[in-house]
Amino acid sequence: MHKTFMITITVTLLLTATAMARAETRIYQTDKYGNVQHHLPSYTVQDNGRIVETDKFGNKQYQKDGWQIQGDKIKPVDKFGNVQPNKPSLTIKKR
């Protein structure tokens, strides 16, 4: 299930990164039928490109690791926003 979630979040992040709005964007987990799972953590894409986990009440979990969109890369960051070069990053491939 973890692999499926990571694939889903990766695709969503790629789509969000290519057409990122000025306002924050929320990414919700869904079940296999497409129903939004409000009781599970979601993610917020901030206008500066940082992706932060958000709990079911809408509170951003800054104490947890997240991601940072930098150009065509999505890089993992720690709770302070420092890029973690020892962890794999994602590349946005445009078609």
N, C-alpha and C. Protein backbone atom coordinates (compact mmCIF):
# COMPACT_ATOMS: atom_id res chain seq x y z
N MET A 1 0.82 -1.19 0.00
CA MET A 1 0.00 0.00 0.00
C MET A 1 0.87 1.25 0.00
N HIS A 2 2.01 1.20 0.67
CA HIS A 2 2.91 2.35 0.73
C HIS A 2 3.40 2.71 -0.67
N LYS A 3 3.71 1.72 -1.49
CA LYS A 3 4.21 1.96 -2.84
C LYS A 3 3.13 2.62 -3.69
N THR A 4 1.89 2.14 -3.58
CA THR A 4 0.79 2.71 -4.32
C THR A 4 0.57 4.17 -3.91
N PHE A 5 0.64 4.43 -2.62
CA PHE A 5 0.47 5.80 -2.15
C PHE A 5 1.56 6.70 -2.70
N MET A 6 2.80 6.23 -2.68
CA MET A 6 3.92 7.05 -3.18
C MET A 6 3.77 7.32 -4.68
N ILE A 7 3.29 6.34 -5.42
CA ILE A 7 3.06 6.56 -6.85
C ILE A 7 1.97 7.61 -7.05
N THR A 8 0.88 7.49 -6.27
CA THR A 8 -0.21 8.44 -6.37
C THR A 8 0.25 9.84 -6.00
N ILE A 9 0.98 9.97 -4.92
CA ILE A 9 1.44 11.30 -4.49
C ILE A 9 2.44 11.87 -5.50
N THR A 10 3.28 11.01 -6.08
CA THR A 10 4.26 11.46 -7.07
C THR A 10 3.56 12.03 -8.29
N VAL A 11 2.58 11.33 -8.80
CA VAL A 11 1.85 11.81 -9.97
C VAL A 11 1.14 13.11 -9.64
N THR A 12 0.52 13.18 -8.48
CA THR A 12 -0.18 14.39 -8.08
C THR A 12 0.79 15.55 -7.92
N LEU A 13 1.94 15.28 -7.32
CA LEU A 13 2.94 16.34 -7.14
C LEU A 13 3.46 16.83 -8.48
N LEU A 14 3.66 15.92 -9.41
CA LEU A 14 4.14 16.32 -10.73
C LEU A 14 3.12 17.21 -11.42
N LEU A 15 1.86 16.85 -11.34
CA LEU A 15 0.82 17.67 -11.94
C LEU A 15 0.72 19.02 -11.25
N THR A 16 0.82 19.02 -9.95
CA THR A 16 0.73 20.26 -9.19
C THR A 16 1.94 21.14 -9.46
N ALA A 17 3.11 20.53 -9.56
CA ALA A 17 4.34 21.30 -9.76
C ALA A 17 4.35 21.99 -11.12
N THR A 18 3.78 21.36 -12.12
CA THR A 18 3.81 21.95 -13.45
C THR A 18 2.80 23.08 -13.61
N ALA A 19 1.76 23.08 -12.78
CA ALA A 19 0.74 24.12 -12.89
C ALA A 19 0.43 24.68 -11.50
N MET A 20 1.48 25.05 -10.77
CA MET A 20 1.30 25.48 -9.39
C MET A 20 0.67 26.87 -9.33
N ALA A 21 -0.35 27.00 -8.52
CA ALA A 21 -1.05 28.27 -8.37
C ALA A 21 -0.36 29.12 -7.30
N ARG A 22 -0.77 30.36 -7.20
CA ARG A 22 -0.21 31.27 -6.20
C ARG A 22 -0.68 30.89 -4.80
N ALA A 23 -1.88 30.37 -4.68
CA ALA A 23 -2.42 29.98 -3.37
C ALA A 23 -1.99 28.56 -3.04
N GLU A 24 -2.15 28.19 -1.78
CA GLU A 24 -1.81 26.84 -1.37
C GLU A 24 -2.78 25.84 -1.99
N THR A 25 -2.26 24.66 -2.30
CA THR A 25 -3.06 23.59 -2.89
C THR A 25 -3.02 22.40 -1.97
N ARG A 26 -4.18 21.79 -1.70
CA ARG A 26 -4.24 20.60 -0.85
C ARG A 26 -4.33 19.36 -1.73
N ILE A 27 -3.60 18.32 -1.32
CA ILE A 27 -3.63 17.03 -1.99
C ILE A 27 -4.16 16.02 -0.98
N TYR A 28 -5.27 15.37 -1.34
CA TYR A 28 -5.89 14.41 -0.44
C TYR A 28 -5.65 12.99 -0.93
N GLN A 29 -5.56 12.03 0.01
CA GLN A 29 -5.49 10.63 -0.34
C GLN A 29 -6.90 10.15 -0.70
N THR A 30 -6.96 9.20 -1.63
CA THR A 30 -8.24 8.63 -2.02
C THR A 30 -8.17 7.11 -1.94
N ASP A 31 -9.33 6.48 -1.86
CA ASP A 31 -9.36 5.02 -1.89
C ASP A 31 -9.39 4.56 -3.35
N LYS A 32 -9.50 3.26 -3.55
CA LYS A 32 -9.45 2.72 -4.91
C LYS A 32 -10.65 3.13 -5.76
N TYR A 33 -11.69 3.66 -5.14
CA TYR A 33 -12.87 4.11 -5.87
C TYR A 33 -12.85 5.61 -6.15
N GLY A 34 -11.85 6.30 -5.64
CA GLY A 34 -11.73 7.74 -5.85
C GLY A 34 -12.35 8.58 -4.76
N ASN A 35 -12.79 7.96 -3.67
CA ASN A 35 -13.38 8.70 -2.56
C ASN A 35 -12.28 9.32 -1.71
N VAL A 36 -12.42 10.61 -1.41
CA VAL A 36 -11.43 11.32 -0.59
C VAL A 36 -11.45 10.75 0.82
N GLN A 37 -10.26 10.48 1.35
CA GLN A 37 -10.10 9.93 2.69
C GLN A 37 -9.73 11.07 3.64
N HIS A 38 -10.75 11.77 4.15
CA HIS A 38 -10.51 12.94 5.00
C HIS A 38 -9.87 12.57 6.34
N HIS A 39 -10.01 11.33 6.78
CA HIS A 39 -9.44 10.91 8.06
C HIS A 39 -7.94 10.60 7.96
N LEU A 40 -7.40 10.55 6.74
CA LEU A 40 -5.97 10.30 6.53
C LEU A 40 -5.24 11.62 6.31
N PRO A 41 -3.92 11.63 6.55
CA PRO A 41 -3.16 12.86 6.31
C PRO A 41 -3.25 13.30 4.85
N SER A 42 -3.23 14.60 4.64
CA SER A 42 -3.19 15.17 3.30
C SER A 42 -1.89 15.97 3.20
N TYR A 43 -1.68 16.61 2.07
CA TYR A 43 -0.47 17.40 1.87
C TYR A 43 -0.86 18.77 1.34
N THR A 44 -0.11 19.78 1.76
CA THR A 44 -0.33 21.15 1.31
C THR A 44 0.87 21.58 0.50
N VAL A 45 0.63 22.05 -0.73
CA VAL A 45 1.69 22.62 -1.56
C VAL A 45 1.61 24.12 -1.38
N GLN A 46 2.64 24.68 -0.76
CA GLN A 46 2.65 26.11 -0.48
C GLN A 46 3.13 26.88 -1.70
N ASP A 47 2.89 28.18 -1.72
CA ASP A 47 3.27 28.99 -2.87
C ASP A 47 4.78 29.08 -3.07
N ASN A 48 5.58 28.74 -2.06
CA ASN A 48 7.04 28.75 -2.21
C ASN A 48 7.57 27.39 -2.70
N GLY A 49 6.68 26.44 -2.96
CA GLY A 49 7.08 25.13 -3.48
C GLY A 49 7.28 24.08 -2.42
N ARG A 50 7.13 24.42 -1.16
CA ARG A 50 7.30 23.43 -0.11
C ARG A 50 6.03 22.61 0.05
N ILE A 51 6.20 21.30 0.24
CA ILE A 51 5.09 20.38 0.41
C ILE A 51 5.12 19.89 1.85
N VAL A 52 4.05 20.14 2.59
CA VAL A 52 3.99 19.86 4.02
C VAL A 52 2.82 18.91 4.30
N GLU A 53 3.06 17.89 5.13
CA GLU A 53 1.98 17.01 5.54
C GLU A 53 1.00 17.79 6.41
N THR A 54 -0.29 17.50 6.24
CA THR A 54 -1.35 18.19 6.97
C THR A 54 -2.24 17.14 7.61
N ASP A 55 -2.57 17.32 8.89
CA ASP A 55 -3.42 16.33 9.56
C ASP A 55 -4.89 16.49 9.15
N LYS A 56 -5.74 15.61 9.67
CA LYS A 56 -7.14 15.61 9.25
C LYS A 56 -7.90 16.86 9.68
N PHE A 57 -7.33 17.64 10.60
CA PHE A 57 -7.96 18.88 11.05
C PHE A 57 -7.47 20.10 10.27
N GLY A 58 -6.50 19.92 9.37
CA GLY A 58 -5.95 21.02 8.59
C GLY A 58 -4.72 21.66 9.18
N ASN A 59 -4.16 21.07 10.25
CA ASN A 59 -2.95 21.61 10.86
C ASN A 59 -1.72 21.10 10.12
N LYS A 60 -0.87 22.01 9.69
CA LYS A 60 0.35 21.63 8.99
C LYS A 60 1.34 21.01 9.98
N GLN A 61 1.95 19.91 9.57
CA GLN A 61 2.87 19.17 10.42
C GLN A 61 4.31 19.52 10.04
N TYR A 62 4.73 20.72 10.42
CA TYR A 62 6.07 21.19 10.06
C TYR A 62 7.17 20.37 10.74
N GLN A 63 6.86 19.67 11.82
CA GLN A 63 7.87 18.88 12.51
C GLN A 63 8.21 17.60 11.75
N LYS A 64 7.45 17.28 10.71
CA LYS A 64 7.72 16.09 9.90
C LYS A 64 8.46 16.48 8.63
N ASP A 65 9.18 15.51 8.07
CA ASP A 65 9.87 15.75 6.81
C ASP A 65 8.86 16.02 5.71
N GLY A 66 9.29 16.73 4.68
CA GLY A 66 8.42 17.05 3.55
C GLY A 66 9.22 17.06 2.27
N TRP A 67 8.77 17.84 1.30
CA TRP A 67 9.45 17.96 0.02
C TRP A 67 9.52 19.42 -0.38
N GLN A 68 10.40 19.71 -1.32
CA GLN A 68 10.55 21.06 -1.85
C GLN A 68 10.63 20.95 -3.37
N ILE A 69 9.81 21.73 -4.07
CA ILE A 69 9.85 21.76 -5.53
C ILE A 69 10.89 22.79 -5.92
N GLN A 70 11.92 22.35 -6.66
CA GLN A 70 12.99 23.23 -7.12
C GLN A 70 13.18 23.00 -8.61
N GLY A 71 12.62 23.88 -9.41
CA GLY A 71 12.71 23.72 -10.86
C GLY A 71 11.96 22.48 -11.31
N ASP A 72 12.69 21.55 -11.94
CA ASP A 72 12.06 20.31 -12.39
C ASP A 72 12.36 19.15 -11.44
N LYS A 73 12.75 19.45 -10.21
CA LYS A 73 13.05 18.43 -9.20
C LYS A 73 12.14 18.60 -7.99
N ILE A 74 11.80 17.47 -7.37
CA ILE A 74 11.10 17.46 -6.10
C ILE A 74 12.03 16.78 -5.12
N LYS A 75 12.57 17.56 -4.18
CA LYS A 75 13.61 17.08 -3.28
C LYS A 75 13.07 16.91 -1.86
N PRO A 76 13.48 15.85 -1.17
CA PRO A 76 13.06 15.68 0.22
C PRO A 76 13.78 16.69 1.12
N VAL A 77 13.04 17.21 2.10
CA VAL A 77 13.63 18.16 3.05
C VAL A 77 13.28 17.73 4.47
N ASP A 78 14.10 18.17 5.43
CA ASP A 78 13.82 17.88 6.83
C ASP A 78 12.84 18.93 7.38
N LYS A 79 12.55 18.85 8.66
CA LYS A 79 11.58 19.76 9.26
C LYS A 79 12.00 21.22 9.23
N PHE A 80 13.29 21.48 9.00
CA PHE A 80 13.79 22.85 8.93
C PHE A 80 13.83 23.39 7.50
N GLY A 81 13.53 22.51 6.52
CA GLY A 81 13.55 22.93 5.12
C GLY A 81 14.88 22.68 4.44
N ASN A 82 15.79 21.96 5.11
CA ASN A 82 17.09 21.64 4.50
C ASN A 82 16.96 20.43 3.59
N VAL A 83 17.47 20.56 2.37
CA VAL A 83 17.42 19.45 1.41
C VAL A 83 18.24 18.28 1.94
N GLN A 84 17.70 17.08 1.80
CA GLN A 84 18.35 15.85 2.26
C GLN A 84 18.96 15.12 1.06
N PRO A 85 20.24 15.35 0.77
CA PRO A 85 20.86 14.73 -0.41
C PRO A 85 21.00 13.22 -0.31
N ASN A 86 20.89 12.65 0.89
CA ASN A 86 21.02 11.21 1.07
C ASN A 86 19.73 10.47 0.75
N LYS A 87 18.65 11.19 0.48
CA LYS A 87 17.37 10.57 0.14
C LYS A 87 17.07 10.81 -1.33
N PRO A 88 16.36 9.87 -1.98
CA PRO A 88 16.08 10.02 -3.41
C PRO A 88 15.12 11.19 -3.69
N SER A 89 15.37 11.87 -4.80
CA SER A 89 14.50 12.95 -5.22
C SER A 89 13.76 12.51 -6.48
N LEU A 90 12.79 13.30 -6.90
CA LEU A 90 11.99 13.00 -8.09
C LEU A 90 12.29 14.04 -9.15
N THR A 91 12.17 13.67 -10.40
CA THR A 91 12.36 14.59 -11.51
C THR A 91 11.06 14.71 -12.28
N ILE A 92 10.71 15.93 -12.63
CA ILE A 92 9.50 16.19 -13.42
C ILE A 92 9.89 16.09 -14.88
N LYS A 93 9.28 15.15 -15.58
CA LYS A 93 9.56 14.95 -16.99
C LYS A 93 8.39 15.51 -17.78
N LYS A 94 8.65 16.48 -18.62
CA LYS A 94 7.60 17.07 -19.43
C LYS A 94 7.49 16.31 -20.74
N ARG A 95 6.25 16.09 -21.16
CA ARG A 95 6.03 15.34 -22.41
C ARG A 95 5.88 16.24 -23.57
